[in-house]
Protein backbone atom coordinates (compact mmCIF):
# COMPACT_ATOMS: atom_id res chain seq x y z
CA MET A 1 8.96 -9.07 -5.32
CA PRO A 2 6.64 -6.04 -4.18
CA PHE A 3 4.94 -5.91 -0.37
CA ILE A 4 2.12 -3.05 0.68
CA GLN A 5 0.87 -3.58 3.47
CA ALA A 6 -2.03 -1.08 4.37
CA LYS A 7 -2.86 0.05 7.49
CA LEU A 8 -6.10 1.78 7.70
CA SER A 9 -8.55 3.25 11.25
CA LYS A 10 -12.14 2.44 8.91
CA THR A 11 -13.61 -1.18 9.08
CA LEU A 12 -14.06 -3.06 5.95
CA ASP A 13 -15.94 -6.00 5.34
CA GLU A 14 -14.48 -8.41 3.10
CA GLN A 15 -15.50 -6.72 0.06
CA GLN A 16 -14.55 -4.13 0.57
CA LYS A 17 -10.51 -5.94 1.37
CA GLU A 18 -10.60 -7.69 -1.90
CA LYS A 19 -11.60 -4.87 -3.88
CA LEU A 20 -9.15 -2.41 -1.58
CA GLN A 21 -6.20 -5.47 -2.24
CA ASN A 22 -6.72 -5.71 -6.32
CA ALA A 23 -6.50 -2.15 -6.68
CA LEU A 24 -3.45 -1.96 -4.73
CA THR A 25 -2.17 -4.47 -6.34
CA ASP A 26 -2.64 -3.26 -9.78
CA VAL A 27 -1.30 0.05 -9.12
CA THR A 28 1.64 -2.03 -7.72
CA ALA A 29 2.31 -4.11 -10.38
CA ALA A 30 2.16 -2.02 -13.23
CA SER A 31 4.65 1.33 -11.91
CA PHE A 32 7.49 -1.10 -10.97
CA GLY A 33 6.27 -3.00 -14.25
CA LYS A 34 6.68 -6.48 -12.11
CA PRO A 35 4.06 -9.28 -12.07
CA LYS A 36 0.73 -9.16 -10.80
CA GLY A 37 1.29 -12.29 -9.24
CA PHE A 38 4.46 -12.04 -7.49
CA VAL A 39 2.51 -8.97 -5.54
CA MET A 40 2.07 -9.30 -1.93
CA ALA A 41 -0.87 -6.80 0.12
CA GLY A 42 -1.75 -7.06 3.59
CA ILE A 43 -4.68 -5.05 4.34
CA GLU A 44 -5.95 -4.52 7.94
CA ASP A 45 -8.25 -2.73 9.32
CA ASN A 46 -9.44 -1.35 12.01
CA GLN A 47 -6.41 0.47 13.22
CA ASP A 48 -6.19 2.73 16.08
CA LEU A 49 -3.91 5.70 13.52
CA TYR A 50 -3.16 9.56 15.07
CA MET A 51 -1.25 11.93 13.57
CA GLY A 52 -0.32 15.10 15.26
CA GLY A 53 -1.84 13.79 18.16
CA LYS A 54 -5.72 13.45 17.08
CA LYS A 55 -6.98 9.91 16.55
CA LEU A 56 -8.16 9.51 12.24
CA GLU A 57 -11.29 8.36 12.25
CA ASN A 58 -10.20 7.74 8.01
CA GLY A 59 -6.47 7.73 8.29
CA ALA A 60 -4.03 4.96 5.75
CA TYR A 61 -0.29 4.69 6.07
CA LEU A 62 0.99 2.65 3.22
CA ALA A 63 4.17 0.75 3.82
CA ILE A 64 6.03 -0.88 0.01
CA SER A 65 8.82 -3.07 0.56
CA LEU A 66 9.87 -3.64 -2.94
CA LEU A 67 13.51 -5.68 -4.00
CA GLY A 68 15.91 -3.33 -5.48
CA GLY A 69 15.99 -0.04 -5.52
CA THR A 70 13.29 2.74 -7.38
CA THR A 71 13.41 6.37 -8.30
CA LYS A 72 11.44 8.89 -6.32
CA SER A 73 9.75 9.99 -10.15
CA VAL A 74 7.80 6.25 -9.39
CA CYS A 75 6.82 7.08 -5.71
CA ASN A 76 5.10 10.01 -6.64
CA GLN A 77 2.97 8.16 -9.24
CA ILE A 78 2.01 5.53 -6.60
CA THR A 79 1.64 7.70 -3.50
CA LYS A 80 -0.78 9.74 -6.06
CA ALA A 81 -2.38 6.57 -7.58
CA VAL A 82 -2.55 5.39 -4.17
CA CYS A 83 -3.68 8.29 -2.58
CA ASP A 84 -6.97 7.92 -5.44
CA ILE A 85 -8.05 4.63 -4.72
CA LEU A 86 -8.20 5.26 -1.15
CA LYS A 87 -9.89 8.50 -1.55
CA GLN A 88 -12.52 6.43 -4.06
CA GLU A 89 -12.81 3.39 -2.29
CA LEU A 90 -13.56 4.33 0.86
CA GLY A 91 -13.22 8.46 1.16
CA THR A 92 -10.11 8.85 2.34
CA GLU A 93 -8.95 12.50 2.03
CA GLY A 94 -4.60 11.86 0.64
CA SER A 95 -4.07 14.28 3.74
CA ASN A 96 -4.71 11.16 6.36
CA VAL A 97 -2.41 9.00 3.86
CA TYR A 98 0.90 8.33 4.10
CA VAL A 99 3.37 5.73 2.15
CA SER A 100 6.57 5.32 2.86
CA TYR A 101 8.84 2.59 0.38
CA HIS A 102 11.71 0.74 1.79
CA PRO A 103 13.82 -1.25 -0.32
CA VAL A 104 15.34 -4.39 0.18
CA ASP A 105 18.38 -6.35 -1.54
CA LEU A 106 18.38 -8.76 0.29
CA TRP A 107 14.56 -10.77 -0.76
CA GLY A 108 13.64 -14.47 -0.28
CA TRP A 109 11.46 -16.89 -1.96
CA ASN A 110 10.16 -20.08 -2.20
CA GLY A 111 12.74 -21.60 -0.20
CA GLN A 112 15.51 -19.22 -1.77
CA MET A 113 17.04 -15.95 -2.57
CA PHE A 114 15.57 -14.13 -5.72
């Protein structure tokens, strides 16, 4: 049920997108204890991202929506893992990454509610 959406200022090729979404899906599934098959990921590259009024050449914003709640500790663990992935895969510094979390009470799938 988690959905992780990544907005990236860099332009990625399809191989980079596939590798990144796999890594983000894995860490999201493991951190929330959800089956990998229920994690959806969206990758939007070539986005205009600004921080402090300056355009980021290599920055990222990730929004993670999940059914129900979580803890700050789990979010901290995911934030570190996501920053590590972005640094390793794209050279994105953690200081150019924001991650937000969005607990959702109502979530539908396959014509019904969870």
